[in-house]
Amino acid sequence: MIDYDHLNAQVLAAHDSGDNATLVRIYQKLGNDELANGHELEGAYFLTQAYVYALEGGLPVAKEIHKTLVALGREE
């Protein structure tokens, strides 16, 4: 089970410190977990957030996330 209070605290701390890598890691994990549970809409939402922060941070994982979004029909 996910401890949402702890996760929320991590997200807020990452935002405060400008830690895009942590934001990407958290949102990508949430997105992949949602997809694994058959929740495409929620998974695509979290992966979109991960993608935005990966692009903003110039992180190479953006390419991997983009491929997933394309496969989901969310990005061309």
PDB file of N, CA and C in Angstrom:
ATOM      1  N   MET A   1       0.842  -1.183   0.000  1.00  0.00           N
ATOM      2  CA  MET A   1       0.000   0.000   0.000  1.00  0.00           C
ATOM      3  C   MET A   1       0.887   1.246   0.000  1.00  0.00           C
ATOM      4  N   ILE A   2       0.475   2.241  -0.722  1.00  0.00           N
ATOM      5  CA  ILE A   2       1.242   3.472  -0.845  1.00  0.00           C
ATOM      6  C   ILE A   2       0.942   4.400   0.330  1.00  0.00           C
ATOM      7  N   ASP A   3       1.991   4.908   0.927  1.00  0.00           N
ATOM      8  CA  ASP A   3       1.851   5.900   2.005  1.00  0.00           C
ATOM      9  C   ASP A   3       1.794   7.280   1.331  1.00  0.00           C
ATOM     10  N   TYR A   4       0.579   7.741   1.054  1.00  0.00           N
ATOM     11  CA  TYR A   4       0.404   8.977   0.298  1.00  0.00           C
ATOM     12  C   TYR A   4       0.892  10.208   1.056  1.00  0.00           C
ATOM     13  N   ASP A   5       0.814  10.201   2.366  1.00  0.00           N
ATOM     14  CA  ASP A   5       1.332  11.334   3.139  1.00  0.00           C
ATOM     15  C   ASP A   5       2.837  11.470   2.952  1.00  0.00           C
ATOM     16  N   HIS A   6       3.531  10.337   3.021  1.00  0.00           N
ATOM     17  CA  HIS A   6       4.991  10.348   2.821  1.00  0.00           C
ATOM     18  C   HIS A   6       5.324  10.747   1.384  1.00  0.00           C
ATOM     19  N   LEU A   7       4.599  10.186   0.440  1.00  0.00           N
ATOM     20  CA  LEU A   7       4.824  10.497  -0.970  1.00  0.00           C
ATOM     21  C   LEU A   7       4.580  11.978  -1.242  1.00  0.00           C
ATOM     22  N   ASN A   8       3.518  12.520  -0.682  1.00  0.00           N
ATOM     23  CA  ASN A   8       3.218  13.937  -0.850  1.00  0.00           C
ATOM     24  C   ASN A   8       4.342  14.793  -0.287  1.00  0.00           C
ATOM     25  N   ALA A   9       4.868  14.414   0.871  1.00  0.00           N
ATOM     26  CA  ALA A   9       5.975  15.152   1.477  1.00  0.00           C
ATOM     27  C   ALA A   9       7.204  15.110   0.577  1.00  0.00           C
ATOM     28  N   GLN A  10       7.468  13.956  -0.043  1.00  0.00           N
ATOM     29  CA  GLN A  10       8.602  13.833  -0.966  1.00  0.00           C
ATOM     30  C   GLN A  10       8.414  14.740  -2.181  1.00  0.00           C
ATOM     31  N   VAL A  11       7.212  14.757  -2.725  1.00  0.00           N
ATOM     32  CA  VAL A  11       6.926  15.593  -3.900  1.00  0.00           C
ATOM     33  C   VAL A  11       7.099  17.069  -3.551  1.00  0.00           C
ATOM     34  N   LEU A  12       6.548  17.474  -2.422  1.00  0.00           N
ATOM     35  CA  LEU A  12       6.669  18.879  -2.014  1.00  0.00           C
ATOM     36  C   LEU A  12       8.132  19.265  -1.778  1.00  0.00           C
ATOM     37  N   ALA A  13       8.893  18.402  -1.150  1.00  0.00           N
ATOM     38  CA  ALA A  13      10.317  18.676  -0.912  1.00  0.00           C
ATOM     39  C   ALA A  13      11.073  18.774  -2.233  1.00  0.00           C
ATOM     40  N   ALA A  14      10.758  17.893  -3.171  1.00  0.00           N
ATOM     41  CA  ALA A  14      11.419  17.932  -4.478  1.00  0.00           C
ATOM     42  C   ALA A  14      11.073  19.211  -5.228  1.00  0.00           C
ATOM     43  N   HIS A  15       9.816  19.635  -5.141  1.00  0.00           N
ATOM     44  CA  HIS A  15       9.432  20.905  -5.759  1.00  0.00           C
ATOM     45  C   HIS A  15      10.187  22.064  -5.125  1.00  0.00           C
ATOM     46  N   ASP A  16      10.246  22.070  -3.797  1.00  0.00           N
ATOM     47  CA  ASP A  16      10.927  23.156  -3.086  1.00  0.00           C
ATOM     48  C   ASP A  16      12.401  23.255  -3.445  1.00  0.00           C
ATOM     49  N   SER A  17      13.041  22.109  -3.647  1.00  0.00           N
ATOM     50  CA  SER A  17      14.480  22.115  -3.928  1.00  0.00           C
ATOM     51  C   SER A  17      14.795  22.100  -5.421  1.00  0.00           C
ATOM     52  N   GLY A  18      13.752  22.019  -6.267  1.00  0.00           N
ATOM     53  CA  GLY A  18      13.977  21.979  -7.713  1.00  0.00           C
ATOM     54  C   GLY A  18      14.605  20.670  -8.173  1.00  0.00           C
ATOM     55  N   ASP A  19      14.308  19.595  -7.461  1.00  0.00           N
ATOM     56  CA  ASP A  19      14.883  18.278  -7.749  1.00  0.00           C
ATOM     57  C   ASP A  19      14.027  17.539  -8.772  1.00  0.00           C
ATOM     58  N   ASN A  20      14.252  17.869 -10.035  1.00  0.00           N
ATOM     59  CA  ASN A  20      13.454  17.264 -11.108  1.00  0.00           C
ATOM     60  C   ASN A  20      13.650  15.763 -11.194  1.00  0.00           C
ATOM     61  N   ALA A  21      14.843  15.272 -10.917  1.00  0.00           N
ATOM     62  CA  ALA A  21      15.102  13.836 -11.010  1.00  0.00           C
ATOM     63  C   ALA A  21      14.210  13.059 -10.044  1.00  0.00           C
ATOM     64  N   THR A  22      14.029  13.575  -8.837  1.00  0.00           N
ATOM     65  CA  THR A  22      13.159  12.905  -7.872  1.00  0.00           C
ATOM     66  C   THR A  22      11.702  12.979  -8.319  1.00  0.00           C
ATOM     67  N   LEU A  23      11.291  14.120  -8.832  1.00  0.00           N
ATOM     68  CA  LEU A  23       9.918  14.248  -9.329  1.00  0.00           C
ATOM     69  C   LEU A  23       9.667  13.248 -10.457  1.00  0.00           C
ATOM     70  N   VAL A  24      10.618  13.129 -11.358  1.00  0.00           N
ATOM     71  CA  VAL A  24      10.471  12.178 -12.469  1.00  0.00           C
ATOM     72  C   VAL A  24      10.371  10.762 -11.920  1.00  0.00           C
ATOM     73  N   ARG A  25      11.241  10.406 -10.998  1.00  0.00           N
ATOM     74  CA  ARG A  25      11.240   9.057 -10.435  1.00  0.00           C
ATOM     75  C   ARG A  25       9.890   8.746  -9.784  1.00  0.00           C
ATOM     76  N   ILE A  26       9.375   9.667  -9.000  1.00  0.00           N
ATOM     77  CA  ILE A  26       8.103   9.445  -8.307  1.00  0.00           C
ATOM     78  C   ILE A  26       6.951   9.338  -9.307  1.00  0.00           C
ATOM     79  N   TYR A  27       6.843  10.311 -10.206  1.00  0.00           N
ATOM     80  CA  TYR A  27       5.725  10.309 -11.148  1.00  0.00           C
ATOM     81  C   TYR A  27       5.805   9.145 -12.132  1.00  0.00           C
ATOM     82  N   GLN A  28       7.013   8.773 -12.525  1.00  0.00           N
ATOM     83  CA  GLN A  28       7.152   7.649 -13.445  1.00  0.00           C
ATOM     84  C   GLN A  28       6.736   6.344 -12.754  1.00  0.00           C
ATOM     85  N   LYS A  29       7.131   6.174 -11.516  1.00  0.00           N
ATOM     86  CA  LYS A  29       6.733   4.973 -10.781  1.00  0.00           C
ATOM     87  C   LYS A  29       5.216   4.925 -10.600  1.00  0.00           C
ATOM     88  N   LEU A  30       4.624   6.044 -10.196  1.00  0.00           N
ATOM     89  CA  LEU A  30       3.171   6.079 -10.050  1.00  0.00           C
ATOM     90  C   LEU A  30       2.479   5.753 -11.376  1.00  0.00           C
ATOM     91  N   GLY A  31       2.980   6.339 -12.455  1.00  0.00           N
ATOM     92  CA  GLY A  31       2.387   6.084 -13.768  1.00  0.00           C
ATOM     93  C   GLY A  31       2.480   4.632 -14.179  1.00  0.00           C
ATOM     94  N   ASN A  32       3.654   4.054 -14.008  1.00  0.00           N
ATOM     95  CA  ASN A  32       3.835   2.651 -14.383  1.00  0.00           C
ATOM     96  C   ASN A  32       3.003   1.728 -13.501  1.00  0.00           C
ATOM     97  N   ASP A  33       2.896   2.060 -12.213  1.00  0.00           N
ATOM     98  CA  ASP A  33       2.051   1.268 -11.316  1.00  0.00           C
ATOM     99  C   ASP A  33       0.593   1.322 -11.753  1.00  0.00           C
ATOM    100  N   GLU A  34       0.122   2.508 -12.110  1.00  0.00           N
ATOM    101  CA  GLU A  34      -1.267   2.649 -12.565  1.00  0.00           C
ATOM    102  C   GLU A  34      -1.497   1.848 -13.850  1.00  0.00           C
ATOM    103  N   LEU A  35      -0.555   1.921 -14.779  1.00  0.00           N
ATOM    104  CA  LEU A  35      -0.688   1.154 -16.018  1.00  0.00           C
ATOM    105  C   LEU A  35      -0.725  -0.341 -15.728  1.00  0.00           C
ATOM    106  N   ALA A  36       0.132  -0.786 -14.821  1.00  0.00           N
ATOM    107  CA  ALA A  36       0.176  -2.205 -14.464  1.00  0.00           C
ATOM    108  C   ALA A  36      -1.140  -2.670 -13.845  1.00  0.00           C
ATOM    109  N   ASN A  37      -1.854  -1.741 -13.226  1.00  0.00           N
ATOM    110  CA  ASN A  37      -3.150  -2.060 -12.620  1.00  0.00           C
ATOM    111  C   ASN A  37      -4.319  -1.811 -13.569  1.00  0.00           C
ATOM    112  N   GLY A  38      -4.006  -1.531 -14.840  1.00  0.00           N
ATOM    113  CA  GLY A  38      -5.047  -1.364 -15.845  1.00  0.00           C
ATOM    114  C   GLY A  38      -5.696   0.005 -15.861  1.00  0.00           C
ATOM    115  N   HIS A  39      -5.074   0.976 -15.212  1.00  0.00           N
ATOM    116  CA  HIS A  39      -5.630   2.332 -15.157  1.00  0.00           C
ATOM    117  C   HIS A  39      -4.869   3.242 -16.119  1.00  0.00           C
ATOM    118  N   GLU A  40      -5.246   3.164 -17.391  1.00  0.00           N
ATOM    119  CA  GLU A  40      -4.512   3.886 -18.425  1.00  0.00           C
ATOM    120  C   GLU A  40      -4.592   5.402 -18.264  1.00  0.00           C
ATOM    121  N   LEU A  41      -5.753   5.926 -17.971  1.00  0.00           N
ATOM    122  CA  LEU A  41      -5.918   7.373 -17.852  1.00  0.00           C
ATOM    123  C   LEU A  41      -5.020   7.926 -16.744  1.00  0.00           C
ATOM    124  N   GLU A  42      -5.065   7.289 -15.576  1.00  0.00           N
ATOM    125  CA  GLU A  42      -4.252   7.736 -14.454  1.00  0.00           C
ATOM    126  C   GLU A  42      -2.764   7.553 -14.736  1.00  0.00           C
ATOM    127  N   GLY A  43      -2.421   6.409 -15.354  1.00  0.00           N
ATOM    128  CA  GLY A  43      -1.027   6.146 -15.692  1.00  0.00           C
ATOM    129  C   GLY A  43      -0.482   7.178 -16.655  1.00  0.00           C
ATOM    130  N   ALA A  44      -1.272   7.510 -17.678  1.00  0.00           N
ATOM    131  CA  ALA A  44      -0.836   8.514 -18.649  1.00  0.00           C
ATOM    132  C   ALA A  44      -0.679   9.878 -17.988  1.00  0.00           C
ATOM    133  N   TYR A  45      -1.562  10.199 -17.046  1.00  0.00           N
ATOM    134  CA  TYR A  45      -1.452  11.471 -16.340  1.00  0.00           C
ATOM    135  C   TYR A  45      -0.112  11.558 -15.595  1.00  0.00           C
ATOM    136  N   PHE A  46       0.189  10.559 -14.787  1.00  0.00           N
ATOM    137  CA  PHE A  46       1.438  10.592 -14.022  1.00  0.00           C
ATOM    138  C   PHE A  46       2.662  10.565 -14.927  1.00  0.00           C
ATOM    139  N   LEU A  47       2.595   9.794 -16.011  1.00  0.00           N
ATOM    140  CA  LEU A  47       3.730   9.756 -16.934  1.00  0.00           C
ATOM    141  C   LEU A  47       3.905  11.090 -17.654  1.00  0.00           C
ATOM    142  N   THR A  48       2.816  11.780 -17.921  1.00  0.00           N
ATOM    143  CA  THR A  48       2.916  13.113 -18.513  1.00  0.00           C
ATOM    144  C   THR A  48       3.626  14.060 -17.563  1.00  0.00           C
ATOM    145  N   GLN A  49       3.294  13.963 -16.283  1.00  0.00           N
ATOM    146  CA  GLN A  49       3.991  14.795 -15.286  1.00  0.00           C
ATOM    147  C   GLN A  49       5.481  14.446 -15.266  1.00  0.00           C
ATOM    148  N   ALA A  50       5.789  13.163 -15.286  1.00  0.00           N
ATOM    149  CA  ALA A  50       7.193  12.732 -15.301  1.00  0.00           C
ATOM    150  C   ALA A  50       7.900  13.274 -16.533  1.00  0.00           C
ATOM    151  N   TYR A  51       7.221  13.221 -17.669  1.00  0.00           N
ATOM    152  CA  TYR A  51       7.800  13.687 -18.932  1.00  0.00           C
ATOM    153  C   TYR A  51       8.111  15.182 -18.882  1.00  0.00           C
ATOM    154  N   VAL A  52       7.184  15.960 -18.368  1.00  0.00           N
ATOM    155  CA  VAL A  52       7.383  17.408 -18.265  1.00  0.00           C
ATOM    156  C   VAL A  52       8.619  17.718 -17.413  1.00  0.00           C
ATOM    157  N   TYR A  53       8.724  17.077 -16.256  1.00  0.00           N
ATOM    158  CA  TYR A  53       9.869  17.344 -15.377  1.00  0.00           C
ATOM    159  C   TYR A  53      11.172  16.797 -15.963  1.00  0.00           C
ATOM    160  N   ALA A  54      11.092  15.696 -16.706  1.00  0.00           N
ATOM    161  CA  ALA A  54      12.290  15.170 -17.360  1.00  0.00           C
ATOM    162  C   ALA A  54      12.767  16.138 -18.438  1.00  0.00           C
ATOM    163  N   LEU A  55      11.836  16.681 -19.217  1.00  0.00           N
ATOM    164  CA  LEU A  55      12.213  17.670 -20.230  1.00  0.00           C
ATOM    165  C   LEU A  55      12.776  18.923 -19.578  1.00  0.00           C
ATOM    166  N   GLU A  56      12.101  19.386 -18.536  1.00  0.00           N
ATOM    167  CA  GLU A  56      12.535  20.589 -17.839  1.00  0.00           C
ATOM    168  C   GLU A  56      13.939  20.420 -17.254  1.00  0.00           C
ATOM    169  N   GLY A  57      14.236  19.228 -16.766  1.00  0.00           N
ATOM    170  CA  GLY A  57      15.535  18.964 -16.160  1.00  0.00           C
ATOM    171  C   GLY A  57      16.583  18.486 -17.145  1.00  0.00           C
ATOM    172  N   GLY A  58      16.200  18.328 -18.417  1.00  0.00           N
ATOM    173  CA  GLY A  58      17.150  17.843 -19.417  1.00  0.00           C
ATOM    174  C   GLY A  58      17.604  16.416 -19.138  1.00  0.00           C
ATOM    175  N   LEU A  59      16.703  15.611 -18.589  1.00  0.00           N
ATOM    176  CA  LEU A  59      17.050  14.247 -18.199  1.00  0.00           C
ATOM    177  C   LEU A  59      16.851  13.277 -19.357  1.00  0.00           C
ATOM    178  N   PRO A  60      17.789  12.359 -19.565  1.00  0.00           N
ATOM    179  CA  PRO A  60      17.694  11.429 -20.694  1.00  0.00           C
ATOM    180  C   PRO A  60      16.500  10.472 -20.629  1.00  0.00           C
ATOM    181  N   VAL A  61      15.933  10.261 -19.445  1.00  0.00           N
ATOM    182  CA  VAL A  61      14.785   9.373 -19.300  1.00  0.00           C
ATOM    183  C   VAL A  61      13.562   9.915 -20.044  1.00  0.00           C
ATOM    184  N   ALA A  62      13.602  11.168 -20.447  1.00  0.00           N
ATOM    185  CA  ALA A  62      12.476  11.756 -21.191  1.00  0.00           C
ATOM    186  C   ALA A  62      12.172  10.950 -22.452  1.00  0.00           C
ATOM    187  N   LYS A  63      13.200  10.427 -23.102  1.00  0.00           N
ATOM    188  CA  LYS A  63      12.982   9.645 -24.331  1.00  0.00           C
ATOM    189  C   LYS A  63      12.180   8.381 -24.044  1.00  0.00           C
ATOM    190  N   GLU A  64      12.505   7.702 -22.963  1.00  0.00           N
ATOM    191  CA  GLU A  64      11.793   6.480 -22.579  1.00  0.00           C
ATOM    192  C   GLU A  64      10.331   6.787 -22.243  1.00  0.00           C
ATOM    193  N   ILE A  65      10.118   7.843 -21.489  1.00  0.00           N
ATOM    194  CA  ILE A  65       8.756   8.219 -21.117  1.00  0.00           C
ATOM    195  C   ILE A  65       7.963   8.618 -22.353  1.00  0.00           C
ATOM    196  N   HIS A  66       8.614   9.351 -23.259  1.00  0.00           N
ATOM    197  CA  HIS A  66       7.949   9.759 -24.496  1.00  0.00           C
ATOM    198  C   HIS A  66       7.491   8.544 -25.292  1.00  0.00           C
ATOM    199  N   LYS A  67       8.330   7.528 -25.382  1.00  0.00           N
ATOM    200  CA  LYS A  67       7.957   6.314 -26.118  1.00  0.00           C
ATOM    201  C   LYS A  67       6.713   5.670 -25.518  1.00  0.00           C
ATOM    202  N   THR A  68       6.635   5.643 -24.211  1.00  0.00           N
ATOM    203  CA  THR A  68       5.469   5.071 -23.540  1.00  0.00           C
ATOM    204  C   THR A  68       4.219   5.897 -23.840  1.00  0.00           C
ATOM    205  N   LEU A  69       4.343   7.220 -23.769  1.00  0.00           N
ATOM    206  CA  LEU A  69       3.202   8.087 -24.061  1.00  0.00           C
ATOM    207  C   LEU A  69       2.738   7.924 -25.507  1.00  0.00           C
ATOM    208  N   VAL A  70       3.671   7.777 -26.431  1.00  0.00           N
ATOM    209  CA  VAL A  70       3.304   7.549 -27.830  1.00  0.00           C
ATOM    210  C   VAL A  70       2.544   6.230 -27.954  1.00  0.00           C
ATOM    211  N   ALA A  71       3.051   5.182 -27.296  1.00  0.00           N
ATOM    212  CA  ALA A  71       2.393   3.874 -27.350  1.00  0.00           C
ATOM    213  C   ALA A  71       0.980   3.928 -26.772  1.00  0.00           C
ATOM    214  N   LEU A  72       0.765   4.830 -25.821  1.00  0.00           N
ATOM    215  CA  LEU A  72      -0.565   4.989 -25.234  1.00  0.00           C
ATOM    216  C   LEU A  72      -1.450   5.922 -26.056  1.00  0.00           C
ATOM    217  N   GLY A  73      -0.903   6.468 -27.147  1.00  0.00           N
ATOM    218  CA  GLY A  73      -1.669   7.382 -27.984  1.00  0.00           C
ATOM    219  C   GLY A  73      -1.826   8.759 -27.389  1.00  0.00           C
ATOM    220  N   ARG A  74      -0.952   9.110 -26.455  1.00  0.00           N
ATOM    221  CA  ARG A  74      -1.031  10.404 -25.765  1.00  0.00           C
ATOM    222  C   ARG A  74      -0.108  11.455 -26.337  1.00  0.00           C
ATOM    223  N   GLU A  75       0.805  11.021 -27.154  1.00  0.00           N
ATOM    224  CA  GLU A  75       1.817  11.933 -27.700  1.00  0.00           C
ATOM    225  C   GLU A  75       2.175  11.426 -29.089  1.00  0.00           C
ATOM    226  N   GLU A  76       2.432  12.325 -29.987  1.00  0.00           N
ATOM    227  CA  GLU A  76       2.815  11.922 -31.351  1.00  0.00           C
ATOM    228  C   GLU A  76       4.206  12.350 -31.668  1.00  0.00           C
TER     229      GLU A  76
END
